[in-house]
C-alpha atoms as a PDB file:
ATOM      1  CA  MET A   1       6.103 -21.676  -0.246  1.00  0.00           C
ATOM      2  CA  ASP A   2       6.859 -20.877   3.408  1.00  0.00           C
ATOM      3  CA  ALA A   3       4.475 -21.829   6.194  1.00  0.00           C
ATOM      4  CA  GLU A   4       4.269 -21.217   9.912  1.00  0.00           C
ATOM      5  CA  ALA A   5       1.400 -23.368  11.144  1.00  0.00           C
ATOM      6  CA  ALA A   6       0.547 -25.975  13.733  1.00  0.00           C
ATOM      7  CA  GLY A   7      -1.187 -28.825  11.910  1.00  0.00           C
ATOM      8  CA  MET A   8      -2.494 -26.689   9.040  1.00  0.00           C
ATOM      9  CA  ALA A   9      -1.774 -28.142   5.584  1.00  0.00           C
ATOM     10  CA  ALA A  10      -1.313 -25.905   2.513  1.00  0.00           C
ATOM     11  CA  GLU A  11      -0.549 -26.788  -1.093  1.00  0.00           C
ATOM     12  CA  LEU A  12      -0.803 -25.156  -4.506  1.00  0.00           C
ATOM     13  CA  VAL A  13      -3.116 -27.090  -6.817  1.00  0.00           C
ATOM     14  CA  ALA A  14      -4.782 -26.635 -10.201  1.00  0.00           C
ATOM     15  CA  PRO A  15      -7.924 -24.457  -9.956  1.00  0.00           C
ATOM     16  CA  GLU A  16     -10.732 -26.579  -8.559  1.00  0.00           C
ATOM     17  CA  ALA A  17     -14.274 -26.591  -9.940  1.00  0.00           C
ATOM     18  CA  ASP A  18     -17.511 -26.292  -7.953  1.00  0.00           C
ATOM     19  CA  LEU A  19     -16.125 -24.123  -5.181  1.00  0.00           C
ATOM     20  CA  GLU A  20     -18.260 -21.388  -3.616  1.00  0.00           C
ATOM     21  CA  PRO A  21     -16.832 -17.866  -3.323  1.00  0.00           C
ATOM     22  CA  LEU A  22     -16.878 -16.353   0.149  1.00  0.00           C
ATOM     23  CA  PRO A  23     -18.063 -12.766   0.675  1.00  0.00           C
ATOM     24  CA  MET A  24     -14.935 -10.695   1.276  1.00  0.00           C
ATOM     25  CA  ARG A  25     -13.972  -7.387   2.813  1.00  0.00           C
ATOM     26  CA  ILE A  26     -11.723  -5.828   0.165  1.00  0.00           C
ATOM     27  CA  SER A  27      -9.114  -3.138   0.874  1.00  0.00           C
ATOM     28  CA  GLY A  28      -7.204  -1.478  -1.945  1.00  0.00           C
ATOM     29  CA  ARG A  29      -7.729  -0.242  -5.482  1.00  0.00           C
ATOM     30  CA  THR A  30      -9.170  -2.828  -7.876  1.00  0.00           C
ATOM     31  CA  ALA A  31     -10.672  -3.234 -11.330  1.00  0.00           C
ATOM     32  CA  ALA A  32     -12.966  -5.979 -12.565  1.00  0.00           C
ATOM     33  CA  GLY A  33     -11.111  -8.749 -14.394  1.00  0.00           C
ATOM     34  CA  PRO A  34     -12.210 -11.720 -16.503  1.00  0.00           C
ATOM     35  CA  ARG A  35     -14.050 -14.672 -14.967  1.00  0.00           C
ATOM     36  CA  ASP A  36     -15.023 -12.838 -11.780  1.00  0.00           C
ATOM     37  CA  THR A  37     -11.444 -11.952 -10.855  1.00  0.00           C
ATOM     38  CA  LEU A  38     -10.226  -8.736  -9.303  1.00  0.00           C
ATOM     39  CA  LEU A  39      -7.313  -6.973 -10.944  1.00  0.00           C
ATOM     40  CA  GLN A  40      -4.965  -5.102  -8.618  1.00  0.00           C
ATOM     41  CA  GLU A  41      -1.600  -3.384  -8.946  1.00  0.00           C
ATOM     42  CA  TRP A  42      -1.182  -0.764  -6.193  1.00  0.00           C
ATOM     43  CA  PRO A  43       0.549  -2.055  -3.017  1.00  0.00           C
ATOM     44  CA  ALA A  44      -1.058  -3.572   0.061  1.00  0.00           C
ATOM     45  CA  PHE A  45      -4.166  -5.052  -1.551  1.00  0.00           C
ATOM     46  CA  HIS A  46      -5.755  -7.319   1.038  1.00  0.00           C
ATOM     47  CA  VAL A  47      -9.002  -9.166   1.672  1.00  0.00           C
ATOM     48  CA  GLU A  48     -10.602 -10.924   4.611  1.00  0.00           C
ATOM     49  CA  ALA A  49     -13.388 -13.499   4.879  1.00  0.00           C
ATOM     50  CA  ARG A  50     -15.055 -15.776   7.432  1.00  0.00           C
ATOM     51  CA  PHE A  51     -16.250 -19.361   7.239  1.00  0.00           C
ATOM     52  CA  THR A  52     -16.916 -22.469   9.308  1.00  0.00           C
ATOM     53  CA  GLY A  53     -15.276 -25.747   8.485  1.00  0.00           C
ATOM     54  CA  THR A  54     -11.901 -27.365   7.943  1.00  0.00           C
ATOM     55  CA  ASP A  55     -10.951 -26.371   4.366  1.00  0.00           C
ATOM     56  CA  VAL A  56     -10.588 -23.189   2.336  1.00  0.00           C
ATOM     57  CA  SER A  57      -8.945 -22.215  -0.964  1.00  0.00           C
ATOM     58  CA  VAL A  58      -7.446 -18.996  -2.296  1.00  0.00           C
ATOM     59  CA  ARG A  59      -7.422 -18.484  -6.066  1.00  0.00           C
ATOM     60  CA  PHE A  60      -4.580 -16.662  -7.819  1.00  0.00           C
ATOM     61  CA  GLN A  61      -3.806 -15.577 -11.363  1.00  0.00           C
ATOM     62  CA  ASP A  62      -0.510 -13.925 -10.562  1.00  0.00           C
ATOM     63  CA  VAL A  63       3.031 -14.556 -11.808  1.00  0.00           C
ATOM     64  CA  THR A  64       4.335 -11.351 -10.219  1.00  0.00           C
ATOM     65  CA  ASN A  65       3.770 -11.038  -6.478  1.00  0.00           C
ATOM     66  CA  ARG A  66       4.390 -12.414  -3.019  1.00  0.00           C
ATOM     67  CA  TRP A  67       1.433 -13.088  -0.719  1.00  0.00           C
ATOM     68  CA  ARG A  68       0.804 -13.867   2.928  1.00  0.00           C
ATOM     69  CA  ILE A  69      -2.270 -15.877   3.934  1.00  0.00           C
ATOM     70  CA  THR A  70      -3.129 -15.779   7.632  1.00  0.00           C
ATOM     71  CA  LEU A  71      -5.661 -17.911   9.523  1.00  0.00           C
ATOM     72  CA  ASP A  72      -7.276 -16.595  12.701  1.00  0.00           C
ATOM     73  CA  GLY A  73      -4.541 -14.009  13.213  1.00  0.00           C
ATOM     74  CA  GLY A  74      -1.846 -16.635  13.754  1.00  0.00           C
ATOM     75  CA  ASP A  75      -0.860 -19.478  11.415  1.00  0.00           C
ATOM     76  CA  HIS A  76       0.247 -18.180   8.048  1.00  0.00           C
ATOM     77  CA  VAL A  77       1.596 -19.226   4.668  1.00  0.00           C
ATOM     78  CA  GLU A  78       3.704 -17.121   2.288  1.00  0.00           C
ATOM     79  CA  ILE A  79       3.768 -17.853  -1.427  1.00  0.00           C
ATOM     80  CA  SER A  80       5.617 -16.243  -4.310  1.00  0.00           C
ATOM     81  CA  GLN A  81       4.432 -15.887  -7.916  1.00  0.00           C
ATOM     82  CA  PRO A  82       1.789 -18.620  -7.677  1.00  0.00           C
ATOM     83  CA  GLY A  83       0.554 -18.292 -11.264  1.00  0.00           C
ATOM     84  CA  ALA A  84      -2.931 -19.637 -12.105  1.00  0.00           C
ATOM     85  CA  GLN A  85      -3.333 -21.912  -9.111  1.00  0.00           C
ATOM     86  CA  ASP A  86      -5.395 -22.375  -5.978  1.00  0.00           C
ATOM     87  CA  LEU A  87      -3.794 -22.445  -2.563  1.00  0.00           C
ATOM     88  CA  ARG A  88      -5.738 -25.171  -0.795  1.00  0.00           C
ATOM     89  CA  ILE A  89      -5.612 -24.999   3.006  1.00  0.00           C
ATOM     90  CA  SER A  90      -6.895 -28.007   4.912  1.00  0.00           C
ATOM     91  CA  ASN A  91      -6.661 -29.834   8.220  1.00  0.00           C
ATOM     92  CA  LEU A  92      -8.088 -26.878  10.130  1.00  0.00           C
ATOM     93  CA  THR A  93      -9.813 -27.325  13.456  1.00  0.00           C
ATOM     94  CA  ALA A  94     -13.563 -27.608  12.923  1.00  0.00           C
ATOM     95  CA  GLY A  95     -15.365 -24.365  13.719  1.00  0.00           C
ATOM     96  CA  GLU A  96     -15.355 -20.702  12.729  1.00  0.00           C
ATOM     97  CA  HIS A  97     -12.300 -19.226  11.012  1.00  0.00           C
ATOM     98  CA  ARG A  98     -11.157 -15.876   9.685  1.00  0.00           C
ATOM     99  CA  ILE A  99      -8.779 -15.737   6.715  1.00  0.00           C
ATOM    100  CA  ARG A 100      -6.728 -12.781   5.552  1.00  0.00           C
ATOM    101  CA  VAL A 101      -4.959 -12.673   2.184  1.00  0.00           C
ATOM    102  CA  GLU A 102      -2.536  -9.797   1.590  1.00  0.00           C
ATOM    103  CA  LYS A 103      -0.106  -8.877  -1.141  1.00  0.00           C
ATOM    104  CA  ILE A 104       3.228  -7.963   0.422  1.00  0.00           C
ATOM    105  CA  SER A 105       5.380  -7.256  -2.667  1.00  0.00           C
ATOM    106  CA  GLU A 106       5.359  -4.355  -5.107  1.00  0.00           C
ATOM    107  CA  SER A 107       3.664  -5.070  -8.426  1.00  0.00           C
ATOM    108  CA  SER A 108       5.268  -4.383 -11.774  1.00  0.00           C
ATOM    109  CA  MET A 109       2.022  -5.094 -13.651  1.00  0.00           C
ATOM    110  CA  PRO A 110      -1.652  -5.835 -12.947  1.00  0.00           C
ATOM    111  CA  ALA A 111      -2.357  -9.259 -11.473  1.00  0.00           C
ATOM    112  CA  GLY A 112      -5.525 -11.262 -10.980  1.00  0.00           C
ATOM    113  CA  PHE A 113      -7.034 -12.404  -7.710  1.00  0.00           C
ATOM    114  CA  GLY A 114      -9.819 -14.965  -7.939  1.00  0.00           C
ATOM    115  CA  GLY A 115     -11.155 -14.795  -4.398  1.00  0.00           C
ATOM    116  CA  ILE A 116     -11.462 -17.016  -1.339  1.00  0.00           C
ATOM    117  CA  LEU A 117     -13.437 -20.201  -1.957  1.00  0.00           C
ATOM    118  CA  ILE A 118     -14.904 -23.104  -0.029  1.00  0.00           C
ATOM    119  CA  GLY A 119     -16.112 -26.599  -0.844  1.00  0.00           C
ATOM    120  CA  GLY A 120     -18.567 -28.966   0.764  1.00  0.00           C
ATOM    121  CA  ARG A 121     -16.677 -29.291   4.050  1.00  0.00           C
ATOM    122  CA  SER A 122     -17.069 -25.610   4.897  1.00  0.00           C
ATOM    123  CA  SER A 123     -19.880 -23.046   5.067  1.00  0.00           C
ATOM    124  CA  ALA A 124     -19.844 -19.313   4.333  1.00  0.00           C
ATOM    125  CA  LEU A 125     -20.196 -16.625   6.986  1.00  0.00           C
ATOM    126  CA  PRO A 126     -20.734 -12.892   6.389  1.00  0.00           C
ATOM    127  CA  SER A 127     -17.574 -10.949   5.627  1.00  0.00           C
ATOM    128  CA  PRO A 128     -15.886  -9.199   8.557  1.00  0.00           C
ATOM    129  CA  GLU A 129     -17.174  -5.767   9.481  1.00  0.00           C
ATOM    130  CA  PRO A 130     -14.930  -2.900   8.342  1.00  0.00           C
ATOM    131  CA  ALA A 131     -12.589  -1.298  10.829  1.00  0.00           C
ATOM    132  CA  ALA A 132     -13.806   1.867  12.529  1.00  0.00           C
ATOM    133  CA  ARG A 133     -11.456   3.989  10.405  1.00  0.00           C
ATOM    134  CA  LEU A 134      -9.682   3.814   7.062  1.00  0.00           C
ATOM    135  CA  ILE A 135      -6.301   5.485   6.517  1.00  0.00           C
ATOM    136  CA  GLU A 136      -4.942   6.113   3.032  1.00  0.00           C
ATOM    137  CA  PHE A 137      -1.181   6.441   2.550  1.00  0.00           C
ATOM    138  CA  ILE A 138       0.078   8.182  -0.594  1.00  0.00           C
ATOM    139  CA  GLY A 139       3.740   8.163  -1.553  1.00  0.00           C
ATOM    140  CA  ASP A 140       6.643   6.499  -3.295  1.00  0.00           C
ATOM    141  CA  SER A 141       9.019   3.616  -2.549  1.00  0.00           C
ATOM    142  CA  ASP A 142       9.456   4.835   1.027  1.00  0.00           C
ATOM    143  CA  THR A 143       5.717   4.298   1.559  1.00  0.00           C
ATOM    144  CA  VAL A 144       5.715   1.003  -0.362  1.00  0.00           C
ATOM    145  CA  GLY A 145       8.297  -0.388   2.054  1.00  0.00           C
ATOM    146  CA  PHE A 146      10.861  -0.991  -0.696  1.00  0.00           C
ATOM    147  CA  ALA A 147      13.280  -3.672   0.605  1.00  0.00           C
ATOM    148  CA  ASN A 148      12.342  -2.703   4.161  1.00  0.00           C
ATOM    149  CA  THR A 149      13.360  -6.052   5.657  1.00  0.00           C
ATOM    150  CA  SER A 150      16.885  -5.876   4.203  1.00  0.00           C
ATOM    151  CA  ASN A 151      19.966  -5.165   6.329  1.00  0.00           C
ATOM    152  CA  THR A 152      22.220  -4.126   3.444  1.00  0.00           C
ATOM    153  CA  ARG A 153      22.266  -1.344   0.884  1.00  0.00           C
ATOM    154  CA  ASP A 154      23.776  -3.398  -1.926  1.00  0.00           C
ATOM    155  CA  CYS A 155      21.082  -5.640  -3.374  1.00  0.00           C
ATOM    156  CA  SER A 156      20.174  -7.375  -6.589  1.00  0.00           C
ATOM    157  CA  GLU A 157      16.730  -7.030  -8.129  1.00  0.00           C
ATOM    158  CA  ASP A 158      15.781 -10.440  -6.763  1.00  0.00           C
ATOM    159  CA  GLU A 159      16.953  -9.464  -3.295  1.00  0.00           C
ATOM    160  CA  VAL A 160      14.863  -6.286  -3.417  1.00  0.00           C
ATOM    161  CA  PHE A 161      11.810  -8.338  -4.399  1.00  0.00           C
ATOM    162  CA  ALA A 162      12.339 -10.793  -1.561  1.00  0.00           C
ATOM    163  CA  ALA A 163      13.029  -8.069   1.028  1.00  0.00           C
ATOM    164  CA  THR A 164       9.994  -5.870   0.292  1.00  0.00           C
ATOM    165  CA  ASP A 165       7.069  -6.336   2.679  1.00  0.00           C
ATOM    166  CA  THR A 166       4.515  -3.551   2.502  1.00  0.00           C
ATOM    167  CA  SER A 167       2.617  -5.001   5.465  1.00  0.00           C
ATOM    168  CA  ARG A 168       5.628  -4.074   7.633  1.00  0.00           C
ATOM    169  CA  SER A 169       6.024  -0.551   6.286  1.00  0.00           C
ATOM    170  CA  PHE A 170       5.065   2.488   8.337  1.00  0.00           C
ATOM    171  CA  GLY A 171       1.550   2.827   6.902  1.00  0.00           C
ATOM    172  CA  PRO A 172       0.158  -0.554   7.931  1.00  0.00           C
ATOM    173  CA  GLN A 173       1.950  -0.179  11.267  1.00  0.00           C
ATOM    174  CA  VAL A 174       0.144   3.111  11.890  1.00  0.00           C
ATOM    175  CA  ALA A 175      -3.188   1.553  10.938  1.00  0.00           C
ATOM    176  CA  THR A 176      -2.624  -1.395  13.278  1.00  0.00           C
ATOM    177  CA  MET A 177      -1.684   0.862  16.188  1.00  0.00           C
ATOM    178  CA  LEU A 178      -4.805   2.980  15.620  1.00  0.00           C
ATOM    179  CA  GLY A 179      -7.141   0.027  15.092  1.00  0.00           C
ATOM    180  CA  ALA A 180      -7.787   1.120  11.498  1.00  0.00           C
ATOM    181  CA  ASP A 181      -7.686  -0.419   8.041  1.00  0.00           C
ATOM    182  CA  TYR A 182      -5.410   0.973   5.326  1.00  0.00           C
ATOM    183  CA  ARG A 183      -5.113   1.664   1.617  1.00  0.00           C
ATOM    184  CA  VAL A 184      -1.735   2.361  -0.002  1.00  0.00           C
ATOM    185  CA  ILE A 185      -1.425   4.418  -3.193  1.00  0.00           C
ATOM    186  CA  ALA A 186       2.327   4.421  -3.744  1.00  0.00           C
ATOM    187  CA  ARG A 187       4.852   3.462  -6.390  1.00  0.00           C
ATOM    188  CA  SER A 188       8.627   3.267  -6.470  1.00  0.00           C
ATOM    189  CA  GLY A 189      10.273   6.080  -8.388  1.00  0.00           C
ATOM    190  CA  ILE A 190       7.156   8.266  -8.567  1.00  0.00           C
ATOM    191  CA  GLY A 191       7.109  11.947  -7.716  1.00  0.00           C
ATOM    192  CA  LEU A 192       4.668  14.816  -7.562  1.00  0.00           C
ATOM    193  CA  LEU A 193       6.231  16.965 -10.304  1.00  0.00           C
ATOM    194  CA  ARG A 194       9.052  14.716 -11.494  1.00  0.00           C
ATOM    195  CA  ASN A 195       9.843  11.041 -11.140  1.00  0.00           C
ATOM    196  CA  TYR A 196      13.284   9.828 -10.107  1.00  0.00           C
ATOM    197  CA  GLY A 197      15.873  11.063 -12.597  1.00  0.00           C
ATOM    198  CA  GLY A 198      13.165  12.836 -14.585  1.00  0.00           C
ATOM    199  CA  ALA A 199      11.904   9.525 -16.009  1.00  0.00           C
ATOM    200  CA  SER A 200       8.492   9.195 -17.672  1.00  0.00           C
ATOM    201  CA  PRO A 201       7.217  12.714 -16.932  1.00  0.00           C
ATOM    202  CA  GLU A 202       3.717  11.703 -18.040  1.00  0.00           C
ATOM    203  CA  THR A 203       3.386   9.244 -15.125  1.00  0.00           C
ATOM    204  CA  THR A 204       3.842  11.422 -12.035  1.00  0.00           C
ATOM    205  CA  MET A 205       1.492  10.908  -9.084  1.00  0.00           C
ATOM    206  CA  PRO A 206      -1.240  13.388 -10.114  1.00  0.00           C
ATOM    207  CA  SER A 207      -1.791  11.434 -13.348  1.00  0.00           C
ATOM    208  CA  ARG A 208      -1.517   7.965 -11.761  1.00  0.00           C
ATOM    209  CA  TYR A 209      -3.426   8.578  -8.527  1.00  0.00           C
ATOM    210  CA  PRO A 210      -6.961   8.362 -10.000  1.00  0.00           C
ATOM    211  CA  LEU A 211      -6.277   5.061 -11.754  1.00  0.00           C
ATOM    212  CA  ALA A 212      -7.412   1.622 -10.634  1.00  0.00           C
ATOM    213  CA  LEU A 213      -4.249   0.182 -12.200  1.00  0.00           C
ATOM    214  CA  PRO A 214      -1.306   2.573 -12.627  1.00  0.00           C
ATOM    215  CA  SER A 215      -0.099   0.844 -15.794  1.00  0.00           C
ATOM    216  CA  ASP A 216      -3.566   0.601 -17.400  1.00  0.00           C
ATOM    217  CA  PRO A 217      -5.356   3.964 -17.589  1.00  0.00           C
ATOM    218  CA  ALA A 218      -8.331   2.340 -19.356  1.00  0.00           C
ATOM    219  CA  ALA A 219      -9.251   0.065 -16.431  1.00  0.00           C
ATOM    220  CA  ALA A 220     -12.387   1.198 -14.592  1.00  0.00           C
ATOM    221  CA  ARG A 221     -11.922   1.715 -10.871  1.00  0.00           C
ATOM    222  CA  MET A 222     -14.295  -0.259  -8.656  1.00  0.00           C
ATOM    223  CA  PRO A 223     -16.068   1.653  -5.855  1.00  0.00           C
ATOM    224  CA  GLN A 224     -14.155   2.193  -2.642  1.00  0.00           C
ATOM    225  CA  PRO A 225     -14.985   3.989   0.614  1.00  0.00           C
ATOM    226  CA  PRO A 226     -13.555   7.419   1.435  1.00  0.00           C
ATOM    227  CA  ALA A 227     -10.740   7.575   3.955  1.00  0.00           C
ATOM    228  CA  ASP A 228     -10.976   9.054   7.441  1.00  0.00           C
ATOM    229  CA  ILE A 229      -7.282  10.027   7.446  1.00  0.00           C
ATOM    230  CA  VAL A 230      -5.082  10.670   4.391  1.00  0.00           C
ATOM    231  CA  VAL A 231      -1.291  10.685   4.787  1.00  0.00           C
ATOM    232  CA  THR A 232       0.602  12.222   1.853  1.00  0.00           C
ATOM    233  CA  GLY A 233       4.363  11.755   1.916  1.00  0.00           C
ATOM    234  CA  ILE A 234       5.868  12.420  -1.489  1.00  0.00           C
ATOM    235  CA  GLY A 235       8.860  14.332  -2.790  1.00  0.00           C
ATOM    236  CA  SER A 236      11.847  12.018  -2.298  1.00  0.00           C
ATOM    237  CA  ASN A 237      12.031  11.404  -6.042  1.00  0.00           C
ATOM    238  CA  ASP A 238      11.354  15.039  -6.909  1.00  0.00           C
ATOM    239  CA  PHE A 239      14.282  16.288  -4.835  1.00  0.00           C
ATOM    240  CA  GLY A 240      16.493  13.197  -4.647  1.00  0.00           C
ATOM    241  CA  SER A 241      18.003  13.101  -8.134  1.00  0.00           C
ATOM    242  CA  ASP A 242      19.781  15.397 -10.576  1.00  0.00           C
ATOM    243  CA  PHE A 243      17.914  17.243 -13.317  1.00  0.00           C
ATOM    244  CA  GLY A 244      18.095  16.155 -16.937  1.00  0.00           C
ATOM    245  CA  PRO A 245      18.773  18.692 -19.695  1.00  0.00           C
ATOM    246  CA  ASP A 246      15.168  18.638 -20.918  1.00  0.00           C
ATOM    247  CA  GLU A 247      13.500  19.226 -17.559  1.00  0.00           C
ATOM    248  CA  PRO A 248      11.840  22.623 -16.982  1.00  0.00           C
ATOM    249  CA  TRP A 249      13.502  23.448 -13.651  1.00  0.00           C
ATOM    250  CA  ALA A 250      16.880  25.124 -13.606  1.00  0.00           C
ATOM    251  CA  ASP A 251      17.644  24.086 -10.033  1.00  0.00           C
ATOM    252  CA  GLN A 252      16.073  22.890  -6.795  1.00  0.00           C
ATOM    253  CA  ALA A 253      14.954  26.422  -5.899  1.00  0.00           C
ATOM    254  CA  ALA A 254      12.819  26.537  -9.040  1.00  0.00           C
ATOM    255  CA  LEU A 255      11.433  23.078  -8.349  1.00  0.00           C
ATOM    256  CA  SER A 256      10.702  24.018  -4.742  1.00  0.00           C
ATOM    257  CA  ALA A 257       8.758  27.104  -5.866  1.00  0.00           C
ATOM    258  CA  ALA A 258       6.552  24.932  -8.067  1.00  0.00           C
ATOM    259  CA  PHE A 259       6.234  22.060  -5.598  1.00  0.00           C
ATOM    260  CA  GLY A 260       4.252  23.926  -2.915  1.00  0.00           C
ATOM    261  CA  PRO A 261       1.316  24.971  -5.142  1.00  0.00           C
ATOM    262  CA  ALA A 262       1.270  21.529  -6.782  1.00  0.00           C
ATOM    263  CA  LEU A 263       1.175  19.801  -3.389  1.00  0.00           C
ATOM    264  CA  THR A 264      -1.600  22.099  -2.208  1.00  0.00           C
ATOM    265  CA  GLU A 265      -3.750  21.344  -5.260  1.00  0.00           C
ATOM    266  CA  PHE A 266      -3.055  17.629  -5.027  1.00  0.00           C
ATOM    267  CA  VAL A 267      -4.187  17.512  -1.391  1.00  0.00           C
ATOM    268  CA  ARG A 268      -7.206  19.725  -2.126  1.00  0.00           C
ATOM    269  CA  ALA A 269      -8.351  17.016  -4.523  1.00  0.00           C
ATOM    270  CA  ARG A 270      -8.008  14.454  -1.728  1.00  0.00           C
ATOM    271  CA  VAL A 271     -10.085  16.740   0.534  1.00  0.00           C
ATOM    272  CA  ARG A 272     -12.897  16.733  -2.030  1.00  0.00           C
ATOM    273  CA  GLU A 273     -12.767  12.946  -2.322  1.00  0.00           C
ATOM    274  CA  ASN A 274     -12.612  12.339   1.431  1.00  0.00           C
ATOM    275  CA  PRO A 275     -14.855  14.967   3.059  1.00  0.00           C
ATOM    276  CA  GLY A 276     -13.964  15.688   6.655  1.00  0.00           C
ATOM    277  CA  ALA A 277     -10.848  13.514   6.644  1.00  0.00           C
ATOM    278  CA  LEU A 278      -7.747  14.603   8.520  1.00  0.00           C
ATOM    279  CA  GLN A 279      -5.068  15.405   5.962  1.00  0.00           C
ATOM    280  CA  VAL A 280      -1.580  14.541   7.225  1.00  0.00           C
ATOM    281  CA  LEU A 281       1.382  15.987   5.315  1.00  0.00           C
ATOM    282  CA  LEU A 282       4.487  13.851   5.810  1.00  0.00           C
ATOM    283  CA  ALA A 283       7.686  15.700   4.910  1.00  0.00           C
ATOM    284  CA  PHE A 284      10.993  13.842   4.724  1.00  0.00           C
ATOM    285  CA  GLY A 285      13.094  16.499   6.424  1.00  0.00           C
ATOM    286  CA  GLU A 286      16.429  15.104   5.203  1.00  0.00           C
ATOM    287  CA  TYR A 287      15.833  16.906   1.881  1.00  0.00           C
ATOM    288  CA  GLY A 288      16.004  20.231   3.697  1.00  0.00           C
ATOM    289  CA  ASP A 289      14.292  23.517   2.962  1.00  0.00           C
ATOM    290  CA  PRO A 290      13.621  22.845  -0.743  1.00  0.00           C
ATOM    291  CA  LEU A 291      11.116  20.166   0.319  1.00  0.00           C
ATOM    292  CA  VAL A 292      10.095  21.271   3.831  1.00  0.00           C
ATOM    293  CA  THR A 293       9.309  24.893   2.906  1.00  0.00           C
ATOM    294  CA  PRO A 294       6.680  23.946   0.280  1.00  0.00           C
ATOM    295  CA  TYR A 295       5.174  21.464   2.725  1.00  0.00           C
ATOM    296  CA  ARG A 296       4.804  24.286   5.259  1.00  0.00           C
ATOM    297  CA  ALA A 297       3.257  26.496   2.565  1.00  0.00           C
ATOM    298  CA  ALA A 298       0.782  23.744   1.665  1.00  0.00           C
ATOM    299  CA  GLU A 299      -0.128  23.314   5.327  1.00  0.00           C
ATOM    300  CA  ALA A 300      -0.834  27.053   5.646  1.00  0.00           C
ATOM    301  CA  ALA A 301      -2.903  27.158   2.455  1.00  0.00           C
ATOM    302  CA  LEU A 302      -4.978  24.151   3.487  1.00  0.00           C
ATOM    303  CA  LYS A 303      -5.597  25.587   6.943  1.00  0.00           C
ATOM    304  CA  ALA A 304      -6.784  28.790   5.284  1.00  0.00           C
ATOM    305  CA  ASP A 305      -9.266  26.639   3.348  1.00  0.00           C
ATOM    306  CA  GLY A 306     -10.626  25.305   6.645  1.00  0.00           C
ATOM    307  CA  THR A 307      -9.150  21.847   6.086  1.00  0.00           C
ATOM    308  CA  ARG A 308      -8.183  19.667   9.037  1.00  0.00           C
ATOM    309  CA  VAL A 309      -4.474  19.369   8.308  1.00  0.00           C
ATOM    310  CA  LEU A 310      -1.405  18.243  10.219  1.00  0.00           C
ATOM    311  CA  LEU A 311       2.258  18.524   9.194  1.00  0.00           C
ATOM    312  CA  VAL A 312       4.809  15.955  10.363  1.00  0.00           C
ATOM    313  CA  VAL A 313       8.454  16.679   9.493  1.00  0.00           C
ATOM    314  CA  LEU A 314      10.689  13.643   9.857  1.00  0.00           C
ATOM    315  CA  PRO A 315      14.306  13.695  11.039  1.00  0.00           C
ATOM    316  CA  LYS A 316      17.106  12.195   8.972  1.00  0.00           C
ATOM    317  CA  LEU A 317      16.618   8.475   8.379  1.00  0.00           C
ATOM    318  CA  GLU A 318      19.377   5.866   8.622  1.00  0.00           C
ATOM    319  CA  ARG A 319      18.333   4.350   5.247  1.00  0.00           C
ATOM    320  CA  LYS A 320      20.245   1.092   5.659  1.00  0.00           C
ATOM    321  CA  ALA A 321      17.978  -1.030   3.449  1.00  0.00           C
ATOM    322  CA  CYS A 322      18.569  -1.776  -0.246  1.00  0.00           C
ATOM    323  CA  LEU A 323      19.626   1.166  -2.407  1.00  0.00           C
ATOM    324  CA  TRP A 324      19.525   3.553   0.549  1.00  0.00           C
ATOM    325  CA  HIS A 325      15.877   2.980   1.390  1.00  0.00           C
ATOM    326  CA  PRO A 326      14.344   3.226   4.866  1.00  0.00           C
ATOM    327  CA  SER A 327      15.208   0.341   7.164  1.00  0.00           C
ATOM    328  CA  ALA A 328      12.817  -1.520   9.449  1.00  0.00           C
ATOM    329  CA  LYS A 329      14.027   0.792  12.232  1.00  0.00           C
ATOM    330  CA  ASP A 330      13.163   3.830  10.083  1.00  0.00           C
ATOM    331  CA  HIS A 331       9.670   2.506   9.394  1.00  0.00           C
ATOM    332  CA  ASP A 332       9.138   1.924  13.109  1.00  0.00           C
ATOM    333  CA  MET A 333      10.209   5.491  13.858  1.00  0.00           C
ATOM    334  CA  ILE A 334       7.985   7.008  11.156  1.00  0.00           C
ATOM    335  CA  ALA A 335       5.013   4.996  12.388  1.00  0.00           C
ATOM    336  CA  SER A 336       5.562   6.094  15.986  1.00  0.00           C
ATOM    337  CA  ARG A 337       5.803   9.756  15.005  1.00  0.00           C
ATOM    338  CA  LEU A 338       2.685   9.596  12.872  1.00  0.00           C
ATOM    339  CA  VAL A 339       0.656   7.878  15.583  1.00  0.00           C
ATOM    340  CA  ALA A 340       1.800  10.400  18.190  1.00  0.00           C
ATOM    341  CA  ALA A 341       0.907  13.313  15.901  1.00  0.00           C
ATOM    342  CA  ILE A 342      -2.490  11.899  14.930  1.00  0.00           C
ATOM    343  CA  GLU A 343      -3.422  11.080  18.494  1.00  0.00           C
ATOM    344  CA  GLY A 344      -2.098  14.477  19.612  1.00  0.00           C
ATOM    345  CA  ALA A 345      -4.468  16.101  17.122  1.00  0.00           C
ATOM    346  CA  GLY A 346      -7.371  14.245  18.711  1.00  0.00           C
ATOM    347  CA  ALA A 347      -7.987  12.143  15.610  1.00  0.00           C
END
């Protein structure tokens, strides 16, 4: 457990009885779990709550992820794979506090979150009001922020896990710069028509997107608000690996011809789910015409529908993070370009 705090004490303890759950503002896809827990698997799940007092606890049922817990926008604690424990935070200055709990790693399976809780030394306040806008980011490992804090391309699995911080990827950066909240629907290796290397063709983004938990199709999705802006940046896995002998495309030209209509229909579904939202198409230009041309075709088709749509084509990235993924510098650049484009569109 890593902490950056002045006087704040934090320790993992066995789950405590007789604690009161705080009302929370919840951001991210969830499903109802046992014993009043939330199950989550998509990246960037985060919650916020308010209370008065000197003590607060965060309840986990998670052997998978890394988390950051921030008090009043400053002092924070990071924990990894806490299991079925409470993080008890004490020695706070008496008065009103705001706590934010965010998952910063990429999940390999659903995990439980038991909420933010208080005891007799603290009192509940209403949950924070939602931000003025909500931005949804749809994509793959580039959107997740896969190993985005790494400075080397050669990494072990453990190093990738430790270097991934979705909160520092381009999506949350864009949301912060625009004063918005964010939801991330992204998964490493996933594609629109084909996953990386042609793996698991039944689990491409169109089949996973509707799910509360991408590895559990039976889990019921809890209600969530529509987005005001939807950023779709997918295709790196479609065009970034060789074809297997059993795949239906003979070459990238054939895949490109199929990709444009599939992208158009995928985004049309997002238009129906998020009426009036600005749809931003994010094309990774380093893959050249096979990817950029269908993105341009999707933009034209959506404009013909009357959809508010914006295309952003990125330049070549340096990709100096693990396994040739975007570096922190790349994420900064992508965020800046997206913000400039969105603000330039008057959104």
